[in-house]
Amino acid sequence: MNLHWLKKYKLYITILFSCLLIMILFTINETNIIYILKNFLSNVEYRENFALAESTIKENLNVFEVIQLVFSEYKWTYDYMTIWGTNIFQVLIPCLSAITGLLFFNKMHTIYKIALYRSQEKNTFKFFTKEAKKDSRKMAFSIFLSYLTFSFICLFISKGARNLSISRELFLDLLGDRFYYNHTYIYYLLEGFIRFYIVPFIYSMFSCALSLMYNNKKQVFFAPIVYYFGLTLFSLALQYIIGNFAIYINPTTIMVSGSYENINTIILLLFTFTPLIISYIIMFRKSKNVEI
């Protein structure tokens, strides 16, 4: 039974641990360990002089002692680790969500056709949305669970230490300017739920809807990615015309909200949900002429 469960959800388990590994690796990269090890292993002079900066450290260090030294002297803080470990997901989210579209595409051309034919569900639109939400929730949950696990790891390693120089903007117009500093861990739980559950769910649904429009797997995979990054580039160009309001059109804004000031959370969320609205429109129109 357990093996059957693992086999059934192996893709999502793989995504969960892959996302977690990426978060950990990008956090470790912020310690500059890769640069240090590269020079330590390839540059004799660098290796010989490495210990001079630490008078209490013996000479002729081996690579494991260097790693231990770097990690022990690095100032681990919960918020800094969380931000830099997850920053890359502004790029990865549309790619992960596109996988959901591929899965939905394959099922629509195989088991979903049979399921719709055999089911008592006469409303094709309802069938589309129901099945798309199932697949999208699985993807979103696997990504969010990786974030929660990573967040606990950060909390454990940092021992709860925070970097008070860091500021975040999402929710502060609703919850107050001091909410981030007074309730840091709750803040990252709320922000993480938006970034790593809601956003992946929206783009997974969007990817499922777009899969109904194409007959080619490459088109199915790249369509939501092109939309995401195309709209990002368009909003950057639009910023020169309409100013800072263009950041709300940019789909990456909600993933890196700390990079902007005075964000209106409601407006940002409304624009973030736009692909979901488009998804329902596409599914509704396609349900009118679906062939079973």
Protein backbone atom coordinates (compact mmCIF):
# COMPACT_ATOMS: atom_id res chain seq x y z
CA MET A 1 0.00 0.00 0.00
CA ASN A 2 2.81 2.41 0.93
CA LEU A 3 4.71 1.54 -2.25
CA HIS A 4 1.57 2.17 -4.27
CA TRP A 5 1.23 5.60 -2.62
CA LEU A 6 4.86 6.44 -3.38
CA LYS A 7 4.48 5.34 -6.99
CA LYS A 8 1.28 7.36 -7.39
CA TYR A 9 2.80 10.57 -6.08
CA LYS A 10 6.44 10.05 -7.05
CA LEU A 11 6.47 13.08 -9.35
CA TYR A 12 5.26 15.41 -6.61
CA ILE A 13 7.61 13.88 -4.05
CA THR A 14 10.46 14.42 -6.50
CA ILE A 15 9.41 18.05 -7.00
CA LEU A 16 9.14 18.56 -3.24
CA PHE A 17 12.68 17.35 -2.53
CA SER A 18 14.10 19.02 -5.65
CA CYS A 19 12.67 22.38 -4.58
CA LEU A 20 13.97 21.87 -1.06
CA LEU A 21 17.44 21.02 -2.37
CA ILE A 22 17.45 24.12 -4.59
CA MET A 23 16.49 26.31 -1.64
CA ILE A 24 19.26 24.84 0.51
CA LEU A 25 21.91 25.13 -2.23
CA PHE A 26 21.06 28.78 -2.96
CA THR A 27 21.23 29.56 0.75
CA ILE A 28 24.62 27.88 1.03
CA ASN A 29 25.79 29.82 -2.03
CA GLU A 30 25.18 33.06 -0.13
CA THR A 31 27.98 32.10 2.28
CA ASN A 32 30.39 32.48 -0.65
CA ILE A 33 31.49 28.89 -0.01
CA ILE A 34 31.66 27.97 -3.71
CA TYR A 35 34.00 30.85 -4.51
CA ILE A 36 36.17 30.07 -1.49
CA LEU A 37 36.41 26.35 -2.26
CA LYS A 38 37.13 27.01 -5.94
CA ASN A 39 40.07 29.23 -5.06
CA PHE A 40 41.20 27.02 -2.19
CA LEU A 41 41.39 23.95 -4.43
CA SER A 42 42.80 25.60 -7.55
CA ASN A 43 45.01 28.41 -6.27
CA VAL A 44 48.08 27.38 -4.30
CA GLU A 45 48.79 30.90 -3.03
CA TYR A 46 45.19 31.34 -1.91
CA ARG A 47 45.31 28.01 -0.12
CA GLU A 48 48.59 28.81 1.66
CA ASN A 49 47.41 32.23 2.81
CA PHE A 50 43.83 31.31 3.67
CA ALA A 51 44.53 30.79 7.37
CA LEU A 52 46.34 34.12 7.76
CA ALA A 53 43.03 35.92 8.17
CA GLU A 54 42.34 33.76 11.23
CA SER A 55 45.25 33.84 13.64
CA THR A 56 43.63 31.23 15.86
CA ILE A 57 43.31 28.72 13.02
CA LYS A 58 46.16 26.34 12.28
CA GLU A 59 47.95 26.44 8.96
CA ASN A 60 47.62 23.85 6.18
CA LEU A 61 43.87 23.55 6.46
CA ASN A 62 42.11 20.77 4.60
CA VAL A 63 38.95 21.35 2.58
CA PHE A 64 36.64 20.04 5.34
CA GLU A 65 38.14 22.44 7.85
CA VAL A 66 37.61 25.28 5.40
CA ILE A 67 33.93 24.37 5.01
CA GLN A 68 33.52 24.14 8.78
CA LEU A 69 35.27 27.49 9.22
CA VAL A 70 33.11 29.28 6.66
CA PHE A 71 29.85 27.85 8.01
CA SER A 72 30.75 28.48 11.65
CA GLU A 73 31.72 32.11 11.04
CA TYR A 74 28.78 32.92 8.79
CA LYS A 75 26.02 34.88 10.51
CA TRP A 76 22.93 32.77 9.87
CA THR A 77 19.66 34.68 10.16
CA TYR A 78 16.21 33.27 9.50
CA ASP A 79 14.88 36.01 7.24
CA TYR A 80 18.06 36.37 5.17
CA MET A 81 18.23 32.61 4.59
CA THR A 82 14.55 32.43 3.67
CA ILE A 83 14.76 35.29 1.18
CA TRP A 84 17.91 34.22 -0.65
CA GLY A 85 17.07 30.54 -0.59
CA THR A 86 13.74 31.13 -2.34
CA ASN A 87 14.57 34.08 -4.59
CA ILE A 88 15.28 31.84 -7.60
CA PHE A 89 11.66 30.66 -7.58
CA GLN A 90 10.56 33.82 -9.36
CA VAL A 91 12.10 32.01 -12.35
CA LEU A 92 11.23 28.41 -11.46
CA ILE A 93 7.51 28.74 -10.59
CA PRO A 94 6.24 29.06 -14.19
CA CYS A 95 8.45 26.14 -15.26
CA LEU A 96 7.17 23.90 -12.46
CA SER A 97 3.59 24.94 -13.17
CA ALA A 98 4.05 24.10 -16.85
CA ILE A 99 4.63 20.47 -15.81
CA THR A 100 1.05 20.41 -14.55
CA GLY A 101 -0.12 21.49 -17.99
CA LEU A 102 1.77 18.62 -19.59
CA LEU A 103 0.20 16.14 -17.19
CA PHE A 104 -3.26 17.56 -17.86
CA PHE A 105 -2.60 17.46 -21.62
CA ASN A 106 -1.64 13.77 -21.47
CA LYS A 107 -4.68 12.92 -19.38
CA MET A 108 -7.03 14.89 -21.62
CA HIS A 109 -5.92 12.77 -24.56
CA THR A 110 -6.21 9.50 -22.63
CA ILE A 111 -7.93 8.82 -19.31
CA TYR A 112 -9.87 12.11 -19.00
CA LYS A 113 -11.72 11.47 -22.26
CA ILE A 114 -12.77 8.08 -20.97
CA ALA A 115 -13.60 9.48 -17.52
CA LEU A 116 -15.76 12.24 -18.98
CA TYR A 117 -17.56 9.79 -21.23
CA ARG A 118 -18.29 7.39 -18.36
CA SER A 119 -19.05 9.95 -15.68
CA GLN A 120 -22.45 11.25 -14.76
CA GLU A 121 -21.07 14.77 -15.10
CA LYS A 122 -22.82 16.41 -18.04
CA ASN A 123 -21.15 19.76 -17.52
CA THR A 124 -17.86 19.62 -19.42
CA PHE A 125 -16.72 22.96 -18.01
CA LYS A 126 -17.20 21.68 -14.47
CA PHE A 127 -15.28 18.52 -15.36
CA PHE A 128 -12.36 20.55 -16.76
CA THR A 129 -12.12 22.81 -13.74
CA LYS A 130 -12.52 19.96 -11.26
CA GLU A 131 -9.71 17.87 -12.76
CA ALA A 132 -7.45 20.88 -13.36
CA LYS A 133 -7.85 21.94 -9.72
CA LYS A 134 -6.92 18.46 -8.54
CA ASP A 135 -3.67 18.46 -10.50
CA SER A 136 -2.91 22.10 -9.63
CA ARG A 137 -3.44 21.53 -5.91
CA LYS A 138 -0.99 18.64 -5.93
CA MET A 139 1.68 20.72 -7.59
CA ALA A 140 1.07 23.73 -5.37
CA PHE A 141 1.06 21.64 -2.20
CA SER A 142 4.35 19.92 -3.07
CA ILE A 143 6.03 23.30 -3.64
CA PHE A 144 4.53 24.83 -0.50
CA LEU A 145 5.54 21.83 1.61
CA SER A 146 9.12 22.22 0.39
CA TYR A 147 8.97 25.86 1.49
CA LEU A 148 7.61 24.96 4.93
CA THR A 149 10.32 22.34 5.39
CA PHE A 150 12.99 24.80 4.29
CA SER A 151 11.57 27.44 6.62
CA PHE A 152 11.86 25.08 9.61
CA ILE A 153 15.43 24.24 8.61
CA CYS A 154 16.26 27.97 8.48
CA LEU A 155 14.64 28.48 11.87
CA PHE A 156 16.65 25.60 13.35
CA ILE A 157 20.01 26.66 11.90
CA SER A 158 19.60 30.36 12.68
CA LYS A 159 18.16 29.62 16.14
CA GLY A 160 15.56 32.26 15.42
CA ALA A 161 18.06 35.07 14.79
CA ARG A 162 16.77 37.83 12.51
CA ASN A 163 18.34 40.55 10.37
CA LEU A 164 16.52 43.73 11.40
CA SER A 165 17.87 45.65 8.42
CA ILE A 166 15.67 43.60 6.06
CA SER A 167 12.26 44.96 5.11
CA ARG A 168 9.31 43.39 3.29
CA GLU A 169 6.30 45.16 1.79
CA LEU A 170 3.54 42.63 1.13
CA PHE A 171 0.58 42.89 3.58
CA LEU A 172 2.07 45.87 5.44
CA ASP A 173 -0.49 48.30 4.03
CA LEU A 174 -3.18 46.03 5.52
CA LEU A 175 -1.52 44.82 8.73
CA GLY A 176 0.64 47.81 9.64
CA ASP A 177 4.26 48.82 9.12
CA ARG A 178 5.47 47.03 12.26
CA PHE A 179 3.81 43.71 11.49
CA TYR A 180 6.92 42.32 9.78
CA TYR A 181 9.20 43.14 12.70
CA ASN A 182 6.74 42.17 15.43
CA HIS A 183 5.55 38.93 13.82
CA THR A 184 8.35 37.91 11.47
CA TYR A 185 7.62 34.18 11.43
CA ILE A 186 3.88 34.68 10.87
CA TYR A 187 4.73 37.10 8.09
CA TYR A 188 6.86 34.54 6.25
CA LEU A 189 4.14 31.93 6.68
CA LEU A 190 1.60 34.28 5.05
CA GLU A 191 3.98 35.40 2.33
CA GLY A 192 5.11 31.83 1.74
CA PHE A 193 1.50 30.66 1.35
CA ILE A 194 0.94 33.30 -1.35
CA ARG A 195 4.26 32.74 -3.14
CA PHE A 196 4.49 28.97 -2.87
CA TYR A 197 0.90 27.78 -2.86
CA ILE A 198 -1.39 30.39 -4.40
CA VAL A 199 0.96 31.47 -7.23
CA PRO A 200 1.90 27.89 -8.26
CA PHE A 201 -1.78 26.93 -8.12
CA ILE A 202 -2.77 29.87 -10.34
CA TYR A 203 -0.12 29.16 -12.96
CA SER A 204 -0.78 25.42 -12.84
CA MET A 205 -4.45 26.11 -13.57
CA PHE A 206 -3.38 28.49 -16.31
CA SER A 207 -1.10 25.85 -17.77
CA CYS A 208 -3.94 23.28 -17.71
CA ALA A 209 -6.25 25.71 -19.50
CA LEU A 210 -3.65 26.50 -22.17
CA SER A 211 -3.14 22.77 -22.74
CA LEU A 212 -6.70 22.69 -24.14
CA MET A 213 -5.65 25.11 -26.86
CA TYR A 214 -2.67 23.22 -28.26
CA ASN A 215 -2.00 19.82 -29.79
CA ASN A 216 1.76 19.92 -29.28
CA LYS A 217 3.50 19.16 -25.97
CA LYS A 218 6.20 21.75 -26.57
CA GLN A 219 3.57 24.42 -27.06
CA VAL A 220 1.76 23.26 -23.94
CA PHE A 221 4.94 23.47 -21.87
CA PHE A 222 6.28 26.78 -23.18
CA ALA A 223 3.00 28.71 -23.49
CA PRO A 224 2.66 29.64 -19.77
CA ILE A 225 6.40 30.30 -19.53
CA VAL A 226 6.30 32.68 -22.52
CA TYR A 227 3.27 34.43 -20.99
CA TYR A 228 5.03 34.81 -17.61
CA PHE A 229 8.35 36.14 -18.87
CA GLY A 230 6.81 38.00 -21.80
CA LEU A 231 4.54 39.91 -19.43
CA THR A 232 7.54 40.55 -17.17
CA LEU A 233 9.48 42.17 -20.01
CA PHE A 234 6.40 44.09 -21.15
CA SER A 235 5.83 45.50 -17.66
CA LEU A 236 9.47 46.59 -17.40
CA ALA A 237 9.10 48.50 -20.66
CA LEU A 238 5.72 49.86 -19.60
CA GLN A 239 7.27 51.24 -16.43
CA TYR A 240 8.91 53.98 -18.53
CA ILE A 241 5.46 55.06 -19.71
CA ILE A 242 3.09 54.69 -16.75
CA GLY A 243 5.62 54.62 -13.92
CA ASN A 244 5.60 52.35 -10.88
CA PHE A 245 2.06 51.12 -11.46
CA ALA A 246 3.59 48.78 -14.06
CA ILE A 247 5.07 46.67 -11.26
CA TYR A 248 1.56 45.32 -10.57
CA ILE A 249 1.44 43.93 -14.10
CA ASN A 250 4.80 42.22 -13.58
CA PRO A 251 4.12 38.60 -12.44
CA THR A 252 7.47 38.42 -10.64
CA THR A 253 6.63 41.32 -8.31
CA ILE A 254 4.75 39.16 -5.81
CA MET A 255 7.70 36.74 -5.72
CA VAL A 256 10.17 39.51 -4.82
CA SER A 257 7.95 41.99 -2.98
CA GLY A 258 10.85 43.12 -0.80
CA SER A 259 12.42 44.78 -3.84
CA TYR A 260 9.63 47.36 -4.07
CA GLU A 261 8.29 50.06 -1.76
CA ASN A 262 4.72 51.03 -0.84
CA ILE A 263 3.05 48.07 -2.50
CA ASN A 264 -0.73 47.97 -2.54
CA THR A 265 -1.41 44.35 -1.57
CA ILE A 266 -5.00 44.22 -2.90
CA ILE A 267 -4.06 45.55 -6.35
CA LEU A 268 -1.08 43.20 -6.54
CA LEU A 269 -3.22 40.19 -5.65
CA LEU A 270 -5.88 41.18 -8.19
CA PHE A 271 -3.30 41.23 -10.98
CA THR A 272 -1.78 37.99 -9.66
CA PHE A 273 -5.16 36.24 -10.02
CA THR A 274 -5.56 37.38 -13.64
CA PRO A 275 -4.22 34.11 -15.16
CA LEU A 276 -6.74 32.17 -13.07
CA ILE A 277 -9.60 34.24 -14.50
CA ILE A 278 -8.23 33.69 -18.00
CA SER A 279 -8.05 29.96 -17.23
CA TYR A 280 -11.75 29.76 -16.42
CA ILE A 281 -12.61 31.71 -19.58
CA ILE A 282 -10.53 29.33 -21.74
CA MET A 283 -12.04 26.23 -20.10
CA PHE A 284 -15.55 27.59 -20.48
CA ARG A 285 -15.09 28.32 -24.18
CA LYS A 286 -13.37 25.00 -24.86
CA SER A 287 -16.09 23.08 -23.03
CA LYS A 288 -18.58 24.27 -25.65
CA ASN A 289 -16.95 22.43 -28.51
CA VAL A 290 -15.11 19.55 -26.83
CA GLU A 291 -15.24 16.23 -28.61
CA ILE A 292 -15.59 13.14 -26.47
